N, C-alpha and C. Protein backbone atom coordinates (compact mmCIF):
# COMPACT_ATOMS: atom_id res chain seq x y z
N MET A 1 26.27 -60.31 -12.58
CA MET A 1 25.67 -59.01 -12.45
C MET A 1 24.43 -59.15 -11.59
N ASP A 2 24.28 -58.31 -10.62
CA ASP A 2 23.11 -58.31 -9.77
C ASP A 2 21.94 -57.74 -10.56
N ALA A 3 20.84 -58.49 -10.68
CA ALA A 3 19.72 -58.08 -11.50
C ALA A 3 19.01 -56.84 -10.95
N ASN A 4 19.15 -56.56 -9.64
CA ASN A 4 18.51 -55.37 -9.07
C ASN A 4 19.35 -54.12 -9.22
N THR A 5 20.64 -54.24 -9.01
CA THR A 5 21.50 -53.05 -9.00
C THR A 5 22.27 -52.85 -10.29
N GLY A 6 22.41 -53.89 -11.10
CA GLY A 6 23.20 -53.77 -12.31
C GLY A 6 24.69 -53.88 -12.06
N GLN A 7 25.08 -54.13 -10.81
CA GLN A 7 26.49 -54.26 -10.45
C GLN A 7 26.96 -55.68 -10.74
N TYR A 8 28.19 -55.78 -11.23
CA TYR A 8 28.74 -57.10 -11.52
C TYR A 8 29.10 -57.82 -10.22
N LYS A 9 28.82 -59.09 -10.20
CA LYS A 9 29.27 -59.94 -9.11
C LYS A 9 29.57 -61.30 -9.71
N LYS A 10 30.53 -61.95 -9.17
CA LYS A 10 30.92 -63.27 -9.67
C LYS A 10 30.12 -64.33 -8.93
N TYR A 11 29.66 -65.30 -9.68
CA TYR A 11 28.98 -66.44 -9.09
C TYR A 11 30.02 -67.53 -8.98
N SER A 12 30.79 -67.49 -7.90
CA SER A 12 31.92 -68.39 -7.76
C SER A 12 31.52 -69.77 -7.26
N GLN A 13 30.37 -69.87 -6.64
CA GLN A 13 29.92 -71.17 -6.14
C GLN A 13 28.88 -71.73 -7.09
N PRO A 14 28.83 -73.05 -7.20
CA PRO A 14 27.82 -73.65 -8.07
C PRO A 14 26.42 -73.31 -7.58
N LEU A 15 25.49 -73.24 -8.51
CA LEU A 15 24.10 -72.99 -8.14
C LEU A 15 23.57 -74.18 -7.37
N LYS A 16 22.85 -73.92 -6.30
CA LYS A 16 22.31 -75.00 -5.49
C LYS A 16 20.87 -75.27 -5.90
N ILE A 17 20.58 -76.53 -6.11
CA ILE A 17 19.22 -76.94 -6.42
C ILE A 17 18.85 -78.07 -5.48
N SER A 18 17.58 -78.26 -5.28
CA SER A 18 17.17 -79.32 -4.35
C SER A 18 17.45 -80.68 -4.98
N GLU A 19 17.59 -81.67 -4.13
CA GLU A 19 17.88 -83.02 -4.62
C GLU A 19 16.68 -83.63 -5.33
N ASN A 20 15.48 -83.12 -5.02
CA ASN A 20 14.27 -83.68 -5.59
C ASN A 20 13.95 -83.15 -6.98
N SER A 21 14.60 -82.09 -7.37
CA SER A 21 14.30 -81.53 -8.68
C SER A 21 15.57 -81.02 -9.34
N SER A 22 15.55 -81.01 -10.63
CA SER A 22 16.66 -80.44 -11.38
C SER A 22 16.09 -79.40 -12.32
N PRO A 23 16.91 -78.45 -12.75
CA PRO A 23 16.37 -77.40 -13.61
C PRO A 23 15.89 -77.99 -14.94
N GLN A 24 14.81 -77.45 -15.41
CA GLN A 24 14.26 -77.88 -16.69
C GLN A 24 14.63 -76.88 -17.77
N ILE A 25 15.06 -77.37 -18.93
CA ILE A 25 15.32 -76.49 -20.06
C ILE A 25 13.97 -76.04 -20.60
N LEU A 26 13.79 -74.73 -20.65
CA LEU A 26 12.52 -74.18 -21.11
C LEU A 26 12.56 -73.77 -22.57
N SER A 27 13.76 -73.47 -23.08
CA SER A 27 13.89 -73.06 -24.47
C SER A 27 15.31 -73.35 -24.93
N LEU A 28 15.43 -73.68 -26.21
CA LEU A 28 16.72 -73.91 -26.84
C LEU A 28 16.69 -73.21 -28.20
N ILE A 29 17.72 -72.40 -28.47
CA ILE A 29 17.79 -71.69 -29.75
C ILE A 29 19.16 -71.91 -30.37
N VAL A 30 19.20 -71.90 -31.69
CA VAL A 30 20.45 -72.08 -32.42
C VAL A 30 20.80 -70.75 -33.08
N GLY A 31 22.08 -70.36 -32.97
CA GLY A 31 22.54 -69.12 -33.57
C GLY A 31 22.58 -69.21 -35.08
N ASN A 32 22.31 -68.10 -35.73
CA ASN A 32 22.33 -68.02 -37.19
C ASN A 32 23.73 -67.55 -37.62
N ASP A 33 24.72 -68.38 -37.38
CA ASP A 33 26.11 -67.99 -37.63
C ASP A 33 26.79 -68.93 -38.61
N GLY A 34 26.13 -69.21 -39.70
CA GLY A 34 26.72 -70.08 -40.71
C GLY A 34 25.91 -71.36 -40.85
N VAL A 35 26.34 -72.18 -41.80
CA VAL A 35 25.65 -73.43 -42.08
C VAL A 35 25.69 -74.33 -40.84
N GLY A 36 24.53 -74.73 -40.38
CA GLY A 36 24.45 -75.62 -39.24
C GLY A 36 24.57 -74.93 -37.89
N GLY A 37 25.07 -73.72 -37.85
CA GLY A 37 25.22 -72.99 -36.60
C GLY A 37 26.35 -73.52 -35.75
N LYS A 38 27.15 -72.63 -35.18
CA LYS A 38 28.25 -73.03 -34.31
C LYS A 38 27.88 -72.88 -32.84
N TYR A 39 26.77 -72.20 -32.56
CA TYR A 39 26.38 -71.95 -31.18
C TYR A 39 24.91 -72.30 -30.98
N PHE A 40 24.59 -72.76 -29.77
CA PHE A 40 23.19 -72.79 -29.34
C PHE A 40 23.14 -72.39 -27.88
N ALA A 41 21.99 -71.88 -27.46
CA ALA A 41 21.81 -71.41 -26.09
C ALA A 41 20.53 -71.99 -25.53
N THR A 42 20.51 -72.12 -24.20
CA THR A 42 19.32 -72.60 -23.51
C THR A 42 18.99 -71.66 -22.37
N MET A 43 17.73 -71.67 -21.98
CA MET A 43 17.31 -71.01 -20.73
C MET A 43 16.61 -72.08 -19.91
N ASP A 44 16.76 -71.98 -18.59
CA ASP A 44 16.17 -73.03 -17.76
C ASP A 44 15.34 -72.47 -16.62
N SER A 45 14.75 -73.37 -15.86
CA SER A 45 13.84 -72.98 -14.77
C SER A 45 14.57 -72.40 -13.56
N ASN A 46 15.91 -72.40 -13.56
CA ASN A 46 16.70 -71.77 -12.49
C ASN A 46 17.13 -70.37 -12.87
N GLN A 47 16.50 -69.76 -13.86
CA GLN A 47 16.82 -68.44 -14.37
C GLN A 47 18.24 -68.36 -14.91
N CYS A 48 18.72 -69.42 -15.52
CA CYS A 48 20.07 -69.47 -16.07
C CYS A 48 20.03 -69.52 -17.59
N VAL A 49 21.04 -68.92 -18.19
CA VAL A 49 21.26 -69.02 -19.62
C VAL A 49 22.56 -69.79 -19.81
N CYS A 50 22.55 -70.78 -20.70
CA CYS A 50 23.74 -71.58 -20.99
C CYS A 50 24.08 -71.43 -22.47
N LEU A 51 25.36 -71.44 -22.77
CA LEU A 51 25.84 -71.33 -24.14
C LEU A 51 26.68 -72.56 -24.47
N PHE A 52 26.47 -73.10 -25.67
CA PHE A 52 27.22 -74.25 -26.15
C PHE A 52 27.81 -73.89 -27.50
N LYS A 53 28.98 -74.43 -27.80
CA LYS A 53 29.68 -74.14 -29.05
C LYS A 53 30.12 -75.44 -29.70
N LYS A 54 29.96 -75.52 -31.03
CA LYS A 54 30.44 -76.67 -31.79
C LYS A 54 31.87 -76.35 -32.23
N ASP A 55 32.83 -77.12 -31.70
CA ASP A 55 34.24 -76.84 -31.96
C ASP A 55 35.05 -78.12 -31.75
N TYR A 56 36.32 -78.03 -32.10
CA TYR A 56 37.21 -79.16 -31.84
C TYR A 56 37.29 -79.42 -30.35
N LEU A 57 37.29 -80.66 -29.97
CA LEU A 57 37.35 -81.05 -28.57
C LEU A 57 38.63 -80.51 -27.95
N GLN A 58 38.51 -79.73 -26.91
CA GLN A 58 39.62 -79.10 -26.18
C GLN A 58 40.48 -78.21 -27.09
N GLY A 59 39.91 -77.71 -28.19
CA GLY A 59 40.64 -76.82 -29.09
C GLY A 59 41.70 -77.51 -29.93
N ASP A 60 41.77 -78.82 -29.89
CA ASP A 60 42.78 -79.60 -30.61
C ASP A 60 42.21 -80.03 -31.96
N THR A 61 42.81 -79.53 -33.06
CA THR A 61 42.28 -79.82 -34.40
C THR A 61 42.42 -81.28 -34.81
N THR A 62 43.17 -82.07 -34.04
CA THR A 62 43.28 -83.50 -34.35
C THR A 62 42.12 -84.29 -33.72
N LYS A 63 41.38 -83.64 -32.83
CA LYS A 63 40.25 -84.30 -32.17
C LYS A 63 38.95 -83.96 -32.91
N PRO A 64 37.89 -84.71 -32.65
CA PRO A 64 36.63 -84.48 -33.37
C PRO A 64 35.93 -83.18 -32.96
N ILE A 65 35.07 -82.72 -33.84
CA ILE A 65 34.24 -81.55 -33.54
C ILE A 65 33.00 -82.03 -32.80
N GLU A 66 32.74 -81.40 -31.65
CA GLU A 66 31.59 -81.78 -30.81
C GLU A 66 30.97 -80.54 -30.20
N TRP A 67 29.72 -80.67 -29.75
CA TRP A 67 29.09 -79.60 -28.98
C TRP A 67 29.74 -79.59 -27.59
N GLN A 68 30.16 -78.41 -27.15
CA GLN A 68 30.82 -78.28 -25.86
C GLN A 68 30.17 -77.16 -25.05
N PHE A 69 30.06 -77.40 -23.75
CA PHE A 69 29.56 -76.38 -22.83
C PHE A 69 30.50 -75.19 -22.88
N HIS A 70 29.92 -73.97 -23.01
CA HIS A 70 30.75 -72.78 -23.21
C HIS A 70 30.46 -71.69 -22.19
N GLY A 71 29.65 -71.97 -21.18
CA GLY A 71 29.41 -70.99 -20.13
C GLY A 71 27.96 -70.96 -19.69
N LYS A 72 27.77 -70.53 -18.44
CA LYS A 72 26.44 -70.45 -17.83
C LYS A 72 26.40 -69.25 -16.90
N ARG A 73 25.25 -68.59 -16.83
CA ARG A 73 25.13 -67.44 -15.93
C ARG A 73 23.69 -67.32 -15.47
N ARG A 74 23.53 -67.03 -14.18
CA ARG A 74 22.22 -66.74 -13.63
C ARG A 74 22.15 -65.23 -13.43
N THR A 75 21.47 -64.55 -14.33
CA THR A 75 21.42 -63.09 -14.29
C THR A 75 20.08 -62.57 -13.81
N HIS A 76 19.01 -63.22 -14.20
CA HIS A 76 17.67 -62.77 -13.82
C HIS A 76 17.29 -63.35 -12.46
N GLU A 77 16.57 -62.56 -11.67
CA GLU A 77 16.16 -63.04 -10.36
C GLU A 77 14.82 -63.75 -10.39
N ILE A 78 14.04 -63.46 -11.41
CA ILE A 78 12.79 -64.20 -11.60
C ILE A 78 12.77 -64.72 -13.04
N GLU A 79 11.71 -65.33 -13.42
CA GLU A 79 11.59 -66.08 -14.68
C GLU A 79 12.17 -65.37 -15.91
N ILE A 80 12.99 -66.10 -16.66
CA ILE A 80 13.43 -65.66 -17.98
C ILE A 80 12.30 -66.00 -18.93
N THR A 81 11.88 -65.04 -19.74
CA THR A 81 10.76 -65.30 -20.65
C THR A 81 11.20 -65.58 -22.07
N SER A 82 12.42 -65.17 -22.45
CA SER A 82 12.85 -65.41 -23.82
C SER A 82 14.36 -65.21 -23.93
N ILE A 83 14.96 -65.92 -24.87
CA ILE A 83 16.35 -65.70 -25.25
C ILE A 83 16.39 -65.59 -26.77
N GLY A 84 17.38 -64.89 -27.27
CA GLY A 84 17.47 -64.73 -28.72
C GLY A 84 18.88 -64.39 -29.17
N PHE A 85 19.22 -64.88 -30.34
CA PHE A 85 20.46 -64.52 -30.99
C PHE A 85 20.19 -63.41 -31.99
N GLY A 86 21.19 -62.61 -32.25
CA GLY A 86 21.13 -61.59 -33.29
C GLY A 86 22.49 -61.44 -33.92
N GLU A 87 22.52 -60.83 -35.08
CA GLU A 87 23.79 -60.56 -35.77
C GLU A 87 23.86 -59.08 -36.07
N SER A 88 25.04 -58.51 -35.86
CA SER A 88 25.26 -57.12 -36.21
C SER A 88 26.69 -56.96 -36.70
N LEU A 89 26.99 -55.77 -37.17
CA LEU A 89 28.34 -55.49 -37.66
C LEU A 89 29.15 -54.84 -36.55
N ASP A 90 30.40 -55.27 -36.40
CA ASP A 90 31.28 -54.63 -35.43
C ASP A 90 31.96 -53.42 -36.08
N GLU A 91 32.90 -52.81 -35.38
CA GLU A 91 33.58 -51.61 -35.88
C GLU A 91 34.41 -51.88 -37.13
N ASN A 92 34.74 -53.14 -37.40
CA ASN A 92 35.51 -53.51 -38.59
C ASN A 92 34.62 -54.06 -39.71
N GLU A 93 33.29 -53.82 -39.59
CA GLU A 93 32.32 -54.29 -40.57
C GLU A 93 32.24 -55.81 -40.67
N GLN A 94 32.66 -56.50 -39.60
CA GLN A 94 32.56 -57.96 -39.54
C GLN A 94 31.28 -58.33 -38.79
N THR A 95 30.64 -59.39 -39.24
CA THR A 95 29.42 -59.84 -38.58
C THR A 95 29.77 -60.50 -37.24
N LYS A 96 29.06 -60.09 -36.20
CA LYS A 96 29.27 -60.72 -34.89
C LYS A 96 27.94 -61.23 -34.36
N LEU A 97 28.01 -62.33 -33.66
CA LEU A 97 26.84 -62.96 -33.08
C LEU A 97 26.59 -62.38 -31.69
N ARG A 98 25.33 -62.09 -31.39
CA ARG A 98 24.95 -61.52 -30.10
C ARG A 98 23.88 -62.40 -29.47
N LEU A 99 23.90 -62.48 -28.15
CA LEU A 99 22.94 -63.30 -27.40
C LEU A 99 22.28 -62.43 -26.34
N PHE A 100 20.95 -62.51 -26.26
CA PHE A 100 20.16 -61.72 -25.32
C PHE A 100 19.23 -62.61 -24.51
N SER A 101 18.91 -62.14 -23.30
CA SER A 101 17.83 -62.77 -22.53
C SER A 101 16.95 -61.65 -21.99
N ILE A 102 15.67 -61.97 -21.84
CA ILE A 102 14.71 -61.01 -21.32
C ILE A 102 13.89 -61.73 -20.26
N GLY A 103 13.55 -61.00 -19.20
CA GLY A 103 12.85 -61.66 -18.10
C GLY A 103 11.70 -60.86 -17.54
N ARG A 104 10.95 -61.52 -16.66
CA ARG A 104 9.83 -60.85 -15.98
C ARG A 104 10.32 -59.76 -15.04
N ASP A 105 11.62 -59.70 -14.79
CA ASP A 105 12.18 -58.62 -13.98
C ASP A 105 12.37 -57.34 -14.80
N ARG A 106 11.87 -57.36 -16.04
CA ARG A 106 11.88 -56.20 -16.94
C ARG A 106 13.29 -55.77 -17.33
N ARG A 107 14.17 -56.74 -17.45
CA ARG A 107 15.55 -56.44 -17.81
C ARG A 107 15.98 -57.28 -19.02
N ILE A 108 16.86 -56.69 -19.79
CA ILE A 108 17.51 -57.40 -20.90
C ILE A 108 18.98 -57.50 -20.56
N PHE A 109 19.53 -58.67 -20.77
CA PHE A 109 20.97 -58.88 -20.63
C PHE A 109 21.52 -59.26 -21.99
N GLU A 110 22.68 -58.69 -22.31
CA GLU A 110 23.40 -59.12 -23.50
C GLU A 110 24.67 -59.81 -23.04
N TYR A 111 24.93 -60.97 -23.63
CA TYR A 111 26.07 -61.80 -23.25
C TYR A 111 27.14 -61.73 -24.34
N ASP A 112 28.39 -61.84 -23.92
CA ASP A 112 29.52 -61.82 -24.85
C ASP A 112 29.78 -63.25 -25.31
N VAL A 113 29.28 -63.58 -26.48
CA VAL A 113 29.38 -64.94 -27.02
C VAL A 113 30.84 -65.35 -27.17
N TYR A 114 31.68 -64.46 -27.68
CA TYR A 114 33.05 -64.82 -28.02
C TYR A 114 34.00 -64.83 -26.82
N ALA A 115 33.72 -64.04 -25.78
CA ALA A 115 34.60 -64.00 -24.60
C ALA A 115 34.22 -65.05 -23.57
N SER A 116 33.09 -65.69 -23.75
CA SER A 116 32.64 -66.69 -22.78
C SER A 116 33.39 -68.00 -22.97
N SER A 117 33.55 -68.71 -21.86
CA SER A 117 34.21 -70.02 -21.91
C SER A 117 33.76 -70.84 -20.72
N GLN A 118 34.09 -72.11 -20.74
CA GLN A 118 33.74 -72.98 -19.64
C GLN A 118 34.42 -72.52 -18.36
N GLN A 119 35.63 -72.00 -18.47
CA GLN A 119 36.38 -71.56 -17.29
C GLN A 119 35.84 -70.23 -16.74
N LYS A 120 35.55 -69.27 -17.62
CA LYS A 120 35.10 -67.94 -17.19
C LYS A 120 33.60 -67.83 -17.03
N GLY A 121 32.88 -68.74 -17.65
CA GLY A 121 31.43 -68.66 -17.61
C GLY A 121 30.89 -67.81 -18.75
N LEU A 122 29.60 -67.59 -18.73
CA LEU A 122 28.94 -66.78 -19.74
C LEU A 122 29.09 -65.32 -19.33
N GLU A 123 29.86 -64.57 -20.09
CA GLU A 123 30.17 -63.18 -19.76
C GLU A 123 29.02 -62.25 -20.12
N VAL A 124 28.67 -61.35 -19.20
CA VAL A 124 27.63 -60.35 -19.43
C VAL A 124 28.28 -59.09 -19.99
N MET A 125 27.73 -58.58 -21.09
CA MET A 125 28.23 -57.33 -21.68
C MET A 125 27.46 -56.14 -21.13
N THR A 126 26.13 -56.21 -21.19
CA THR A 126 25.31 -55.09 -20.75
C THR A 126 24.01 -55.60 -20.15
N MET A 127 23.38 -54.71 -19.37
CA MET A 127 22.07 -54.97 -18.81
C MET A 127 21.33 -53.65 -18.79
N PHE A 128 20.06 -53.68 -19.16
CA PHE A 128 19.26 -52.47 -19.04
C PHE A 128 17.81 -52.82 -18.83
N LYS A 129 17.10 -51.89 -18.17
CA LYS A 129 15.66 -52.04 -17.94
C LYS A 129 14.92 -51.60 -19.19
N ILE A 130 13.81 -52.26 -19.48
CA ILE A 130 13.08 -51.91 -20.69
C ILE A 130 11.63 -51.54 -20.44
N GLU A 131 11.10 -51.81 -19.28
CA GLU A 131 9.68 -51.61 -19.02
C GLU A 131 9.49 -51.02 -17.63
N LYS A 132 8.39 -50.32 -17.45
CA LYS A 132 8.03 -49.81 -16.13
C LYS A 132 6.79 -50.52 -15.59
N GLU A 133 5.92 -51.00 -16.48
CA GLU A 133 4.66 -51.59 -16.03
C GLU A 133 4.46 -53.02 -16.51
N ALA A 134 4.67 -53.26 -17.79
CA ALA A 134 4.38 -54.58 -18.36
C ALA A 134 5.54 -55.54 -18.13
N HIS A 135 5.25 -56.83 -18.21
CA HIS A 135 6.28 -57.86 -18.13
C HIS A 135 6.53 -58.38 -19.55
N PRO A 136 7.73 -58.17 -20.07
CA PRO A 136 8.01 -58.63 -21.43
C PRO A 136 7.96 -60.15 -21.51
N THR A 137 7.46 -60.65 -22.63
CA THR A 137 7.29 -62.09 -22.77
C THR A 137 8.15 -62.70 -23.87
N ALA A 138 8.72 -61.89 -24.74
CA ALA A 138 9.53 -62.43 -25.84
C ALA A 138 10.45 -61.37 -26.40
N CYS A 139 11.49 -61.83 -27.06
CA CYS A 139 12.37 -60.92 -27.79
C CYS A 139 12.82 -61.60 -29.08
N ILE A 140 13.02 -60.78 -30.10
CA ILE A 140 13.48 -61.29 -31.38
C ILE A 140 14.32 -60.21 -32.04
N TRP A 141 15.38 -60.65 -32.67
CA TRP A 141 16.28 -59.73 -33.37
C TRP A 141 15.62 -59.29 -34.67
N TYR A 142 15.64 -58.00 -34.94
CA TYR A 142 15.08 -57.46 -36.17
C TYR A 142 16.23 -57.12 -37.10
N PRO A 143 16.44 -57.93 -38.13
CA PRO A 143 17.59 -57.70 -39.00
C PRO A 143 17.40 -56.48 -39.90
N LYS A 144 18.34 -55.58 -39.85
CA LYS A 144 18.35 -54.40 -40.71
C LYS A 144 19.63 -54.44 -41.51
N VAL A 145 19.56 -54.89 -42.75
CA VAL A 145 20.76 -55.06 -43.55
C VAL A 145 21.21 -53.77 -44.23
N ASP A 146 20.34 -52.78 -44.32
CA ASP A 146 20.68 -51.55 -45.03
C ASP A 146 21.18 -50.44 -44.11
N THR A 147 21.29 -50.71 -42.82
CA THR A 147 21.74 -49.70 -41.87
C THR A 147 22.49 -50.36 -40.73
N LYS A 148 23.23 -49.57 -39.97
CA LYS A 148 23.95 -50.10 -38.82
C LYS A 148 23.13 -50.11 -37.55
N GLU A 149 21.89 -49.65 -37.64
CA GLU A 149 21.03 -49.61 -36.47
C GLU A 149 20.60 -51.03 -36.09
N ASP A 150 20.82 -51.41 -34.84
CA ASP A 150 20.43 -52.73 -34.35
C ASP A 150 19.14 -52.60 -33.56
N LEU A 151 18.20 -53.53 -33.80
CA LEU A 151 16.93 -53.48 -33.11
C LEU A 151 16.61 -54.84 -32.51
N LEU A 152 16.22 -54.84 -31.26
CA LEU A 152 15.73 -56.02 -30.58
C LEU A 152 14.29 -55.75 -30.22
N LEU A 153 13.38 -56.48 -30.83
CA LEU A 153 11.95 -56.27 -30.56
C LEU A 153 11.54 -57.06 -29.33
N THR A 154 10.77 -56.42 -28.45
CA THR A 154 10.26 -57.08 -27.25
C THR A 154 8.76 -56.98 -27.21
């Protein structure tokens, strides 16, 4: 998705970085999706969000469970300031895990945790602008267990 226009575009070529530097992981968060968590996400200095999943190696239940790369996307054009997981109820009253990123470009992206894969990358569900003047610096999921209203505090 183009961070300026909101239009989807595929990043079919690998991200290019200089040989003298590699992207630095700026934050790592673990999803609150059960004991030990099955997902974690990172944000890096190349404005990328990466998702990892703890699962059977190559989906084969005879192989060991390991952390596996589950997708990457560069959505923000300038610095990502925060990433966060949240949980909400879907239309069938089942808990679903949600992943968000917020950046100095005053945009929030929501990623599709379950549709993402190493082959397809980190899928973007939605993007919206949240500010006109200030640069958001953090986001956190506000759990509301008594209502279906979902809140992401920035």
